[in-house]
Amino acid sequence: MQAPEVVKGHIIISSEVEAEFSTLEERLKPFRVVPFIVVEESFKLEHAKAVLSEAYISESQTKYIVIGTYDFTEIAQNSLLKLLEEPPRNIEFIIITPSKSNLLPTVRSRLPILKVDNHSSIDRLDINLARLDYSDVFAFLKEHARVKKEDAKALVEALFFRATVTDRLILTPAQLENFDKAYRLLNLNSRPQSVLAMLLMSFAGER
């Protein structure tokens, strides 16, 4: 059987790079977070080299390297490709940028994309995806029985954050695909409860 794909961080699409980093830094405590936030200019090769240097400093515990900018140069992105594909031990990358079009397809293919709604806060969910059972799934769906389309999108974002950051799960390729599929289905006006059930059952089924 094929081993599950190891997820090392993710991409956050947010129009408020600095604010998003502040929220992220608070949520990641007590883990070490090293920011490379470049907002006054493009993220250039010199910035990428600084990221490379930091990434290869050995760590005994997880260290998050956060890259945040409103614009990337192509050469800077290309210089990070190998690092994103084969990150050093205990290093996880999070990229914050306003649009996925800022990123080369080769960069987007290496990390899952999490979209963030800047107009509403995403509360931490009181659900442990690492120990999820069917009763938890049914309770969650009952609690959100009347959820609207936009609120459902926010729940999908919160579930992704919960899985990858709070519960620190290694998502399988199928689970990653389910998150992408959830956004597509909600945009096509699929029933929110059905979409949420699809996501949650993929975690309950892993137990």
N, C-alpha and C. Protein backbone atom coordinates (compact mmCIF):
# COMPACT_ATOMS: atom_id res chain seq x y z
N MET A 1 0.84 -1.19 0.00
CA MET A 1 0.00 0.00 0.00
C MET A 1 0.88 1.25 0.00
N GLN A 2 0.49 2.23 -0.78
CA GLN A 2 1.31 3.45 -0.91
C GLN A 2 1.26 4.24 0.39
N ALA A 3 2.43 4.75 0.82
CA ALA A 3 2.49 5.54 2.05
C ALA A 3 1.79 6.87 1.83
N PRO A 4 1.13 7.42 2.89
CA PRO A 4 0.46 8.69 2.73
C PRO A 4 1.44 9.81 2.47
N GLU A 5 0.99 10.80 1.72
CA GLU A 5 1.82 11.94 1.40
C GLU A 5 2.01 12.81 2.63
N VAL A 6 3.24 13.22 2.90
CA VAL A 6 3.52 14.06 4.05
C VAL A 6 3.25 15.51 3.71
N VAL A 7 2.42 16.14 4.53
CA VAL A 7 2.09 17.54 4.29
C VAL A 7 2.95 18.41 5.19
N LYS A 8 3.70 19.29 4.62
CA LYS A 8 4.55 20.20 5.38
C LYS A 8 4.03 21.62 5.19
N GLY A 9 3.03 21.98 6.00
CA GLY A 9 2.49 23.33 5.93
C GLY A 9 1.46 23.49 4.83
N HIS A 10 1.17 24.76 4.50
CA HIS A 10 0.15 25.04 3.50
C HIS A 10 0.27 26.48 3.02
N ILE A 11 -0.58 26.82 2.06
CA ILE A 11 -0.64 28.18 1.51
C ILE A 11 -1.94 28.82 1.99
N ILE A 12 -1.85 30.03 2.50
CA ILE A 12 -3.03 30.78 2.93
C ILE A 12 -3.25 31.92 1.94
N ILE A 13 -4.44 31.97 1.35
CA ILE A 13 -4.79 33.08 0.46
C ILE A 13 -5.55 34.11 1.29
N SER A 14 -4.92 35.26 1.53
CA SER A 14 -5.51 36.30 2.37
C SER A 14 -5.07 37.67 1.89
N SER A 15 -6.02 38.59 1.82
CA SER A 15 -5.71 39.95 1.36
C SER A 15 -5.02 40.77 2.45
N GLU A 16 -4.99 40.25 3.66
CA GLU A 16 -4.39 40.98 4.78
C GLU A 16 -3.22 40.16 5.33
N VAL A 17 -2.09 40.29 4.67
CA VAL A 17 -0.94 39.44 4.97
C VAL A 17 -0.46 39.62 6.41
N GLU A 18 -0.26 40.87 6.81
CA GLU A 18 0.27 41.11 8.16
C GLU A 18 -0.69 40.65 9.24
N ALA A 19 -1.98 40.97 9.07
CA ALA A 19 -2.98 40.57 10.06
C ALA A 19 -3.10 39.05 10.13
N GLU A 20 -3.04 38.42 8.97
CA GLU A 20 -3.14 36.97 8.94
C GLU A 20 -1.96 36.32 9.65
N PHE A 21 -0.77 36.91 9.47
CA PHE A 21 0.41 36.37 10.16
C PHE A 21 0.26 36.50 11.66
N SER A 22 -0.24 37.65 12.13
CA SER A 22 -0.40 37.86 13.58
C SER A 22 -1.34 36.81 14.18
N THR A 23 -2.44 36.54 13.47
CA THR A 23 -3.38 35.53 13.94
C THR A 23 -2.74 34.15 13.94
N LEU A 24 -2.02 33.86 12.88
CA LEU A 24 -1.37 32.56 12.74
C LEU A 24 -0.33 32.35 13.83
N GLU A 25 0.47 33.36 14.08
CA GLU A 25 1.52 33.27 15.09
C GLU A 25 0.93 32.95 16.46
N GLU A 26 -0.20 33.58 16.77
CA GLU A 26 -0.86 33.33 18.05
C GLU A 26 -1.38 31.90 18.13
N ARG A 27 -1.94 31.41 17.03
CA ARG A 27 -2.50 30.06 17.01
C ARG A 27 -1.42 28.99 17.09
N LEU A 28 -0.23 29.29 16.61
CA LEU A 28 0.84 28.29 16.57
C LEU A 28 1.61 28.17 17.88
N LYS A 29 1.36 29.06 18.83
CA LYS A 29 2.05 28.94 20.11
C LYS A 29 1.75 27.58 20.73
N PRO A 30 2.77 26.93 21.34
CA PRO A 30 4.11 27.42 21.69
C PRO A 30 5.19 27.07 20.66
N PHE A 31 4.81 26.64 19.46
CA PHE A 31 5.82 26.29 18.47
C PHE A 31 6.61 27.53 18.04
N ARG A 32 7.83 27.28 17.60
CA ARG A 32 8.66 28.39 17.12
C ARG A 32 8.21 28.80 15.72
N VAL A 33 8.04 30.10 15.52
CA VAL A 33 7.61 30.64 14.23
C VAL A 33 8.63 31.67 13.76
N VAL A 34 9.18 31.46 12.57
CA VAL A 34 10.16 32.39 12.01
C VAL A 34 9.53 33.08 10.80
N PRO A 35 9.26 34.39 10.89
CA PRO A 35 8.58 35.07 9.79
C PRO A 35 9.54 35.67 8.76
N PHE A 36 9.12 35.59 7.51
CA PHE A 36 9.76 36.31 6.41
C PHE A 36 8.63 37.08 5.72
N ILE A 37 8.23 38.18 6.34
CA ILE A 37 7.10 38.98 5.86
C ILE A 37 7.65 40.17 5.09
N VAL A 38 7.40 40.20 3.78
CA VAL A 38 7.93 41.26 2.90
C VAL A 38 6.74 41.97 2.26
N VAL A 39 6.44 43.19 2.74
CA VAL A 39 5.24 43.86 2.26
C VAL A 39 5.53 45.17 1.52
N GLU A 40 6.71 45.69 1.66
CA GLU A 40 7.04 46.97 1.02
C GLU A 40 7.63 46.79 -0.37
N GLU A 41 7.97 45.54 -0.72
CA GLU A 41 8.57 45.25 -2.01
C GLU A 41 8.25 43.81 -2.38
N SER A 42 8.68 43.38 -3.55
CA SER A 42 8.48 41.99 -3.95
C SER A 42 9.38 41.06 -3.14
N PHE A 43 8.94 39.83 -2.99
CA PHE A 43 9.76 38.80 -2.36
C PHE A 43 10.79 38.36 -3.39
N LYS A 44 12.05 38.70 -3.14
CA LYS A 44 13.11 38.52 -4.13
C LYS A 44 14.04 37.36 -3.78
N LEU A 45 15.02 37.15 -4.65
CA LEU A 45 15.97 36.06 -4.46
C LEU A 45 16.70 36.20 -3.12
N GLU A 46 17.03 37.41 -2.74
CA GLU A 46 17.75 37.62 -1.47
C GLU A 46 16.90 37.14 -0.28
N HIS A 47 15.58 37.35 -0.38
CA HIS A 47 14.70 36.89 0.69
C HIS A 47 14.62 35.37 0.69
N ALA A 48 14.57 34.78 -0.50
CA ALA A 48 14.52 33.32 -0.62
C ALA A 48 15.78 32.69 -0.05
N LYS A 49 16.93 33.31 -0.28
CA LYS A 49 18.19 32.79 0.26
C LYS A 49 18.17 32.80 1.79
N ALA A 50 17.55 33.84 2.36
CA ALA A 50 17.44 33.91 3.83
C ALA A 50 16.55 32.79 4.35
N VAL A 51 15.49 32.48 3.62
CA VAL A 51 14.61 31.36 3.98
C VAL A 51 15.39 30.04 3.94
N LEU A 52 16.16 29.85 2.88
CA LEU A 52 16.98 28.63 2.74
C LEU A 52 17.93 28.46 3.92
N SER A 53 18.59 29.54 4.29
CA SER A 53 19.54 29.48 5.41
C SER A 53 18.85 29.08 6.70
N GLU A 54 17.69 29.69 6.95
CA GLU A 54 16.95 29.40 8.17
C GLU A 54 16.44 27.96 8.19
N ALA A 55 16.00 27.48 7.04
CA ALA A 55 15.41 26.14 6.95
C ALA A 55 16.42 25.05 7.28
N TYR A 56 17.69 25.29 6.98
CA TYR A 56 18.69 24.25 7.19
C TYR A 56 19.38 24.35 8.55
N ILE A 57 18.86 25.19 9.43
CA ILE A 57 19.31 25.18 10.82
C ILE A 57 18.56 24.05 11.51
N SER A 58 19.26 23.07 12.02
CA SER A 58 18.63 21.86 12.56
C SER A 58 17.75 22.20 13.76
N GLU A 59 16.63 21.50 13.86
CA GLU A 59 15.67 21.73 14.93
C GLU A 59 15.27 20.39 15.55
N SER A 60 15.12 20.37 16.88
CA SER A 60 14.67 19.16 17.56
C SER A 60 13.16 19.08 17.63
N GLN A 61 12.48 20.24 17.47
CA GLN A 61 11.03 20.29 17.45
C GLN A 61 10.57 21.08 16.23
N THR A 62 9.28 20.99 15.92
CA THR A 62 8.76 21.64 14.73
C THR A 62 8.99 23.16 14.75
N LYS A 63 9.47 23.66 13.64
CA LYS A 63 9.63 25.10 13.44
C LYS A 63 8.84 25.48 12.20
N TYR A 64 8.01 26.51 12.33
CA TYR A 64 7.24 27.00 11.20
C TYR A 64 7.94 28.20 10.57
N ILE A 65 8.18 28.11 9.28
CA ILE A 65 8.73 29.24 8.53
C ILE A 65 7.59 29.83 7.72
N VAL A 66 7.27 31.09 8.02
CA VAL A 66 6.12 31.74 7.39
C VAL A 66 6.62 32.78 6.39
N ILE A 67 6.23 32.60 5.14
CA ILE A 67 6.58 33.53 4.07
C ILE A 67 5.34 34.32 3.71
N GLY A 68 5.38 35.63 3.90
CA GLY A 68 4.22 36.46 3.59
C GLY A 68 4.59 37.64 2.72
N THR A 69 3.86 37.80 1.62
CA THR A 69 4.15 38.92 0.72
C THR A 69 2.98 39.13 -0.23
N TYR A 70 2.96 40.32 -0.83
CA TYR A 70 1.90 40.63 -1.80
C TYR A 70 2.36 40.33 -3.22
N ASP A 71 3.65 40.04 -3.38
CA ASP A 71 4.16 39.79 -4.73
C ASP A 71 5.47 39.00 -4.65
N PHE A 72 5.59 37.97 -5.49
CA PHE A 72 6.80 37.15 -5.56
C PHE A 72 7.47 37.34 -6.91
N THR A 73 8.80 37.36 -6.92
CA THR A 73 9.49 37.26 -8.20
C THR A 73 9.58 35.79 -8.57
N GLU A 74 9.62 35.53 -9.86
CA GLU A 74 9.66 34.14 -10.33
C GLU A 74 10.94 33.44 -9.90
N ILE A 75 12.05 34.16 -9.96
CA ILE A 75 13.33 33.53 -9.61
C ILE A 75 13.36 33.14 -8.13
N ALA A 76 12.73 33.94 -7.28
CA ALA A 76 12.68 33.61 -5.86
C ALA A 76 11.88 32.33 -5.63
N GLN A 77 10.75 32.22 -6.32
CA GLN A 77 9.93 31.02 -6.18
C GLN A 77 10.66 29.78 -6.66
N ASN A 78 11.30 29.90 -7.81
CA ASN A 78 12.02 28.75 -8.36
C ASN A 78 13.13 28.28 -7.42
N SER A 79 13.74 29.22 -6.72
CA SER A 79 14.84 28.84 -5.83
C SER A 79 14.35 28.08 -4.59
N LEU A 80 13.04 28.17 -4.31
CA LEU A 80 12.48 27.51 -3.14
C LEU A 80 11.84 26.16 -3.45
N LEU A 81 11.73 25.80 -4.73
CA LEU A 81 10.98 24.61 -5.12
C LEU A 81 11.49 23.34 -4.45
N LYS A 82 12.78 23.10 -4.52
CA LYS A 82 13.36 21.88 -3.95
C LYS A 82 13.15 21.84 -2.44
N LEU A 83 13.27 23.00 -1.80
CA LEU A 83 13.09 23.08 -0.35
C LEU A 83 11.65 22.75 0.04
N LEU A 84 10.69 23.26 -0.73
CA LEU A 84 9.28 22.98 -0.44
C LEU A 84 8.93 21.52 -0.69
N GLU A 85 9.58 20.93 -1.68
CA GLU A 85 9.31 19.55 -2.02
C GLU A 85 9.95 18.58 -1.03
N GLU A 86 11.14 18.92 -0.54
CA GLU A 86 11.86 18.06 0.39
C GLU A 86 12.33 18.89 1.58
N PRO A 87 11.41 19.29 2.44
CA PRO A 87 11.79 20.14 3.58
C PRO A 87 12.65 19.39 4.59
N PRO A 88 13.56 20.08 5.24
CA PRO A 88 14.37 19.43 6.28
C PRO A 88 13.49 18.92 7.42
N ARG A 89 14.04 18.07 8.22
CA ARG A 89 13.30 17.48 9.35
C ARG A 89 12.80 18.58 10.30
N ASN A 90 11.55 18.46 10.71
CA ASN A 90 10.90 19.36 11.67
C ASN A 90 10.70 20.79 11.15
N ILE A 91 10.74 20.96 9.84
CA ILE A 91 10.49 22.27 9.25
C ILE A 91 9.17 22.24 8.48
N GLU A 92 8.29 23.18 8.75
CA GLU A 92 7.04 23.29 8.02
C GLU A 92 6.91 24.71 7.47
N PHE A 93 6.41 24.81 6.24
CA PHE A 93 6.30 26.09 5.57
C PHE A 93 4.84 26.53 5.45
N ILE A 94 4.62 27.81 5.68
CA ILE A 94 3.31 28.42 5.44
C ILE A 94 3.54 29.68 4.60
N ILE A 95 2.85 29.76 3.48
CA ILE A 95 2.95 30.92 2.60
C ILE A 95 1.66 31.71 2.68
N ILE A 96 1.76 33.01 2.89
CA ILE A 96 0.59 33.89 2.92
C ILE A 96 0.69 34.88 1.78
N THR A 97 -0.31 34.93 0.93
CA THR A 97 -0.32 35.86 -0.20
C THR A 97 -1.77 36.12 -0.62
N PRO A 98 -2.07 37.27 -1.22
CA PRO A 98 -3.47 37.62 -1.51
C PRO A 98 -4.13 36.81 -2.61
N SER A 99 -3.36 36.25 -3.52
CA SER A 99 -3.96 35.54 -4.65
C SER A 99 -3.09 34.35 -5.04
N LYS A 100 -3.73 33.23 -5.35
CA LYS A 100 -2.94 32.08 -5.77
C LYS A 100 -2.27 32.33 -7.12
N SER A 101 -2.76 33.32 -7.86
CA SER A 101 -2.12 33.65 -9.14
C SER A 101 -0.75 34.26 -8.93
N ASN A 102 -0.44 34.69 -7.70
CA ASN A 102 0.91 35.19 -7.39
C ASN A 102 1.94 34.06 -7.41
N LEU A 103 1.46 32.83 -7.32
CA LEU A 103 2.36 31.70 -7.17
C LEU A 103 2.45 30.88 -8.45
N LEU A 104 3.64 30.40 -8.74
CA LEU A 104 3.83 29.52 -9.88
C LEU A 104 3.07 28.21 -9.64
N PRO A 105 2.57 27.59 -10.70
CA PRO A 105 1.89 26.29 -10.55
C PRO A 105 2.76 25.26 -9.83
N THR A 106 4.06 25.33 -10.05
CA THR A 106 4.97 24.36 -9.41
C THR A 106 5.02 24.57 -7.90
N VAL A 107 4.85 25.81 -7.45
CA VAL A 107 4.79 26.09 -6.01
C VAL A 107 3.44 25.63 -5.46
N ARG A 108 2.37 25.95 -6.17
CA ARG A 108 1.02 25.58 -5.71
C ARG A 108 0.86 24.07 -5.61
N SER A 109 1.59 23.34 -6.43
CA SER A 109 1.44 21.88 -6.42
C SER A 109 2.11 21.24 -5.21
N ARG A 110 2.96 21.98 -4.52
CA ARG A 110 3.72 21.40 -3.41
C ARG A 110 3.07 21.57 -2.06
N LEU A 111 2.14 22.52 -1.95
CA LEU A 111 1.46 22.75 -0.67
C LEU A 111 -0.04 22.92 -0.91
N PRO A 112 -0.87 22.38 -0.04
CA PRO A 112 -2.32 22.58 -0.19
C PRO A 112 -2.68 24.04 0.06
N ILE A 113 -3.72 24.51 -0.61
CA ILE A 113 -4.14 25.91 -0.52
C ILE A 113 -5.33 26.03 0.42
N LEU A 114 -5.20 26.95 1.38
CA LEU A 114 -6.28 27.27 2.31
C LEU A 114 -6.71 28.70 2.07
N LYS A 115 -7.96 28.92 1.68
CA LYS A 115 -8.47 30.27 1.47
C LYS A 115 -9.03 30.80 2.79
N VAL A 116 -8.81 32.07 3.06
CA VAL A 116 -9.27 32.66 4.30
C VAL A 116 -10.18 33.83 4.00
N ASP A 117 -11.34 33.86 4.66
CA ASP A 117 -12.27 34.97 4.54
C ASP A 117 -11.87 36.04 5.54
N ASN A 118 -11.39 37.18 5.07
CA ASN A 118 -10.92 38.23 5.97
C ASN A 118 -12.05 39.00 6.64
N HIS A 119 -13.28 38.75 6.23
CA HIS A 119 -14.39 39.52 6.79
C HIS A 119 -15.06 38.82 7.96
N SER A 120 -14.63 37.63 8.27
CA SER A 120 -15.18 36.94 9.44
C SER A 120 -14.10 36.09 10.06
N SER A 121 -14.07 36.05 11.38
CA SER A 121 -13.04 35.27 12.06
C SER A 121 -13.46 33.80 12.08
N ILE A 122 -12.47 32.92 12.02
CA ILE A 122 -12.73 31.49 12.08
C ILE A 122 -12.36 31.03 13.48
N ASP A 123 -13.36 30.64 14.24
CA ASP A 123 -13.12 30.19 15.60
C ASP A 123 -12.49 28.80 15.59
N ARG A 124 -11.73 28.55 16.62
CA ARG A 124 -11.18 27.20 16.75
C ARG A 124 -12.33 26.22 16.98
N LEU A 125 -12.26 25.10 16.33
CA LEU A 125 -13.31 24.11 16.45
C LEU A 125 -13.02 23.16 17.61
N ASP A 126 -14.06 22.87 18.37
CA ASP A 126 -13.93 21.93 19.48
C ASP A 126 -14.19 20.52 18.97
N ILE A 127 -13.28 20.04 18.13
CA ILE A 127 -13.40 18.71 17.56
C ILE A 127 -11.99 18.18 17.29
N ASN A 128 -11.73 16.98 17.74
CA ASN A 128 -10.39 16.39 17.57
C ASN A 128 -10.42 15.43 16.40
N LEU A 129 -9.85 15.84 15.28
CA LEU A 129 -9.88 15.02 14.08
C LEU A 129 -8.98 13.79 14.18
N ALA A 130 -8.04 13.83 15.11
CA ALA A 130 -7.15 12.69 15.30
C ALA A 130 -7.86 11.54 16.02
N ARG A 131 -8.93 11.87 16.75
CA ARG A 131 -9.66 10.84 17.52
C ARG A 131 -11.14 10.85 17.15
N LEU A 132 -11.43 11.21 15.93
CA LEU A 132 -12.81 11.36 15.49
C LEU A 132 -13.50 10.01 15.34
N ASP A 133 -14.71 9.89 15.91
CA ASP A 133 -15.51 8.69 15.65
C ASP A 133 -16.86 9.12 15.07
N TYR A 134 -17.70 8.15 14.75
CA TYR A 134 -18.93 8.46 14.03
C TYR A 134 -19.90 9.29 14.89
N SER A 135 -19.88 9.09 16.19
CA SER A 135 -20.75 9.89 17.06
C SER A 135 -20.33 11.36 17.03
N ASP A 136 -19.01 11.61 16.94
CA ASP A 136 -18.53 12.99 16.83
C ASP A 136 -19.00 13.62 15.52
N VAL A 137 -18.97 12.83 14.44
CA VAL A 137 -19.41 13.32 13.14
C VAL A 137 -20.88 13.73 13.20
N PHE A 138 -21.71 12.85 13.73
CA PHE A 138 -23.14 13.13 13.80
C PHE A 138 -23.42 14.34 14.68
N ALA A 139 -22.67 14.49 15.79
CA ALA A 139 -22.87 15.63 16.68
C ALA A 139 -22.49 16.93 15.99
N PHE A 140 -21.40 16.90 15.23
CA PHE A 140 -20.95 18.09 14.51
C PHE A 140 -21.98 18.49 13.46
N LEU A 141 -22.47 17.52 12.70
CA LEU A 141 -23.45 17.81 11.65
C LEU A 141 -24.76 18.32 12.24
N LYS A 142 -25.14 17.79 13.40
CA LYS A 142 -26.36 18.27 14.06
C LYS A 142 -26.19 19.71 14.52
N GLU A 143 -25.01 20.02 15.07
CA GLU A 143 -24.73 21.38 15.55
C GLU A 143 -24.79 22.39 14.41
N HIS A 144 -24.36 21.97 13.21
CA HIS A 144 -24.30 22.87 12.05
C HIS A 144 -25.35 22.50 11.00
N ALA A 145 -26.48 22.05 11.48
CA ALA A 145 -27.54 21.56 10.58
C ALA A 145 -28.06 22.65 9.65
N ARG A 146 -28.05 23.90 10.09
CA ARG A 146 -28.62 24.99 9.28
C ARG A 146 -27.55 25.92 8.71
N VAL A 147 -26.34 25.42 8.59
CA VAL A 147 -25.23 26.25 8.13
C VAL A 147 -25.45 26.73 6.69
N LYS A 148 -25.13 27.98 6.43
CA LYS A 148 -25.24 28.56 5.10
C LYS A 148 -23.97 28.30 4.30
N LYS A 149 -24.06 28.57 3.00
CA LYS A 149 -22.95 28.28 2.09
C LYS A 149 -21.65 28.96 2.54
N GLU A 150 -21.67 30.27 2.79
CA GLU A 150 -20.45 30.98 3.14
C GLU A 150 -19.91 30.54 4.49
N ASP A 151 -20.82 30.26 5.44
CA ASP A 151 -20.37 29.77 6.74
C ASP A 151 -19.78 28.37 6.61
N ALA A 152 -20.31 27.58 5.68
CA ALA A 152 -19.77 26.24 5.45
C ALA A 152 -18.34 26.34 4.93
N LYS A 153 -18.07 27.31 4.06
CA LYS A 153 -16.70 27.51 3.57
C LYS A 153 -15.76 27.82 4.73
N ALA A 154 -16.24 28.66 5.66
CA ALA A 154 -15.41 29.00 6.82
C ALA A 154 -15.15 27.76 7.68
N LEU A 155 -16.16 26.89 7.78
CA LEU A 155 -15.97 25.65 8.54
C LEU A 155 -14.95 24.73 7.87
N VAL A 156 -14.97 24.68 6.55
CA VAL A 156 -13.99 23.86 5.82
C VAL A 156 -12.58 24.39 6.10
N GLU A 157 -12.42 25.71 6.07
CA GLU A 157 -11.12 26.32 6.38
C GLU A 157 -10.69 25.97 7.80
N ALA A 158 -11.63 26.07 8.74
CA ALA A 158 -11.31 25.79 10.14
C ALA A 158 -10.96 24.32 10.34
N LEU A 159 -11.64 23.44 9.63
CA LEU A 159 -11.33 22.01 9.72
C LEU A 159 -9.93 21.71 9.18
N PHE A 160 -9.57 22.38 8.09
CA PHE A 160 -8.23 22.19 7.52
C PHE A 160 -7.17 22.65 8.52
N PHE A 161 -7.40 23.82 9.11
CA PHE A 161 -6.45 24.36 10.08
C PHE A 161 -6.35 23.42 11.28
N ARG A 162 -7.51 22.95 11.74
CA ARG A 162 -7.53 22.03 12.88
C ARG A 162 -6.73 20.77 12.58
N ALA A 163 -6.92 20.21 11.39
CA ALA A 163 -6.24 18.97 11.02
C ALA A 163 -4.74 19.14 10.91
N THR A 164 -4.31 20.19 10.19
CA THR A 164 -2.89 20.30 9.85
C THR A 164 -2.06 21.01 10.91
N VAL A 165 -2.67 21.93 11.66
CA VAL A 165 -1.91 22.70 12.64
C VAL A 165 -2.20 22.25 14.07
N THR A 166 -3.47 22.24 14.46
CA THR A 166 -3.81 21.89 15.85
C THR A 166 -3.58 20.41 16.13
N ASP A 167 -4.17 19.54 15.29
CA ASP A 167 -4.04 18.10 15.51
C ASP A 167 -2.79 17.51 14.86
N ARG A 168 -2.11 18.30 14.02
CA ARG A 168 -0.84 17.92 13.42
C ARG A 168 -0.91 16.56 12.71
N LEU A 169 -1.95 16.40 11.91
CA LEU A 169 -2.14 15.16 11.18
C LEU A 169 -1.38 15.18 9.86
N ILE A 170 -0.95 14.02 9.41
CA ILE A 170 -0.40 13.84 8.07
C ILE A 170 -1.57 13.42 7.18
N LEU A 171 -2.02 14.32 6.33
CA LEU A 171 -3.19 14.04 5.51
C LEU A 171 -2.84 13.14 4.34
N THR A 172 -3.73 12.22 4.05
CA THR A 172 -3.56 11.36 2.89
C THR A 172 -3.90 12.15 1.62
N PRO A 173 -3.45 11.71 0.47
CA PRO A 173 -3.83 12.38 -0.78
C PRO A 173 -5.34 12.48 -0.93
N ALA A 174 -6.07 11.44 -0.51
CA ALA A 174 -7.54 11.47 -0.62
C ALA A 174 -8.14 12.55 0.27
N GLN A 175 -7.61 12.72 1.47
CA GLN A 175 -8.12 13.75 2.37
C GLN A 175 -7.83 15.14 1.82
N LEU A 176 -6.63 15.34 1.27
CA LEU A 176 -6.31 16.62 0.66
C LEU A 176 -7.25 16.94 -0.50
N GLU A 177 -7.52 15.93 -1.31
CA GLU A 177 -8.42 16.11 -2.44
C GLU A 177 -9.83 16.45 -1.96
N ASN A 178 -10.23 15.88 -0.84
CA ASN A 178 -11.55 16.18 -0.29
C ASN A 178 -11.69 17.65 0.10
N PHE A 179 -10.63 18.24 0.62
CA PHE A 179 -10.70 19.66 0.97
C PHE A 179 -10.87 20.52 -0.28
N ASP A 180 -10.10 20.21 -1.32
CA ASP A 180 -10.26 20.95 -2.58
C ASP A 180 -11.65 20.72 -3.16
N LYS A 181 -12.12 19.47 -3.09
CA LYS A 181 -13.44 19.14 -3.63
C LYS A 181 -14.54 19.87 -2.85
N ALA A 182 -14.34 20.03 -1.55
CA ALA A 182 -15.36 20.69 -0.73
C ALA A 182 -15.61 22.11 -1.20
N TYR A 183 -14.55 22.85 -1.51
CA TYR A 183 -14.72 24.22 -2.02
C TYR A 183 -15.47 24.23 -3.34
N ARG A 184 -15.10 23.30 -4.21
CA ARG A 184 -15.75 23.24 -5.52
C ARG A 184 -17.24 22.93 -5.38
N LEU A 185 -17.55 21.98 -4.52
CA LEU A 185 -18.95 21.59 -4.33
C LEU A 185 -19.78 22.71 -3.73
N LEU A 186 -19.20 23.42 -2.77
CA LEU A 186 -19.93 24.53 -2.15
C LEU A 186 -20.16 25.66 -3.16
N ASN A 187 -19.18 25.89 -4.02
CA ASN A 187 -19.35 26.91 -5.07
C ASN A 187 -20.42 26.50 -6.08
N LEU A 188 -20.65 25.20 -6.19
CA LEU A 188 -21.69 24.69 -7.09
C LEU A 188 -23.03 24.54 -6.36
N ASN A 189 -23.07 25.10 -5.13
CA ASN A 189 -24.30 25.10 -4.33
C ASN A 189 -24.73 23.71 -3.87
N SER A 190 -23.75 22.84 -3.67
CA SER A 190 -24.08 21.55 -3.06
C SER A 190 -24.54 21.76 -1.62
N ARG A 191 -25.28 20.81 -1.10
CA ARG A 191 -25.81 20.92 0.26
C ARG A 191 -24.65 20.94 1.26
N PRO A 192 -24.52 22.01 2.06
CA PRO A 192 -23.38 22.13 2.98
C PRO A 192 -23.20 20.93 3.90
N GLN A 193 -24.31 20.39 4.42
CA GLN A 193 -24.18 19.25 5.34
C GLN A 193 -23.56 18.04 4.65
N SER A 194 -23.89 17.82 3.39
CA SER A 194 -23.32 16.70 2.65
C SER A 194 -21.82 16.88 2.46
N VAL A 195 -21.40 18.12 2.17
CA VAL A 195 -19.99 18.42 1.98
C VAL A 195 -19.21 18.21 3.27
N LEU A 196 -19.76 18.72 4.37
CA LEU A 196 -19.09 18.57 5.67
C LEU A 196 -19.02 17.09 6.07
N ALA A 197 -20.09 16.35 5.79
CA ALA A 197 -20.10 14.93 6.11
C ALA A 197 -19.00 14.19 5.33
N MET A 198 -18.83 14.54 4.06
CA MET A 198 -17.79 13.92 3.24
C MET A 198 -16.41 14.13 3.87
N LEU A 199 -16.14 15.37 4.30
CA LEU A 199 -14.84 15.67 4.91
C LEU A 199 -14.63 14.88 6.20
N LEU A 200 -15.60 14.95 7.07
CA LEU A 200 -15.44 14.34 8.39
C LEU A 200 -15.36 12.82 8.32
N MET A 201 -16.15 12.23 7.44
CA MET A 201 -16.13 10.77 7.35
C MET A 201 -14.78 10.24 6.87
N SER A 202 -14.05 11.04 6.12
CA SER A 202 -12.72 10.60 5.67
C SER A 202 -11.76 10.49 6.85
N PHE A 203 -12.01 11.27 7.92
CA PHE A 203 -11.17 11.18 9.12
C PHE A 203 -11.65 10.05 10.02
N ALA A 204 -12.98 9.93 10.18
CA ALA A 204 -13.52 8.86 11.02
C ALA A 204 -13.17 7.49 10.45
N GLY A 205 -13.13 7.41 9.12
CA GLY A 205 -12.83 6.14 8.47
C GLY A 205 -11.39 5.70 8.61
N GLU A 206 -10.50 6.64 9.04
CA GLU A 206 -9.08 6.30 9.19
C GLU A 206 -8.81 5.57 10.51
N ARG A 207 -9.78 5.60 11.41
CA ARG A 207 -9.53 5.00 12.73
C ARG A 207 -9.60 3.50 12.69
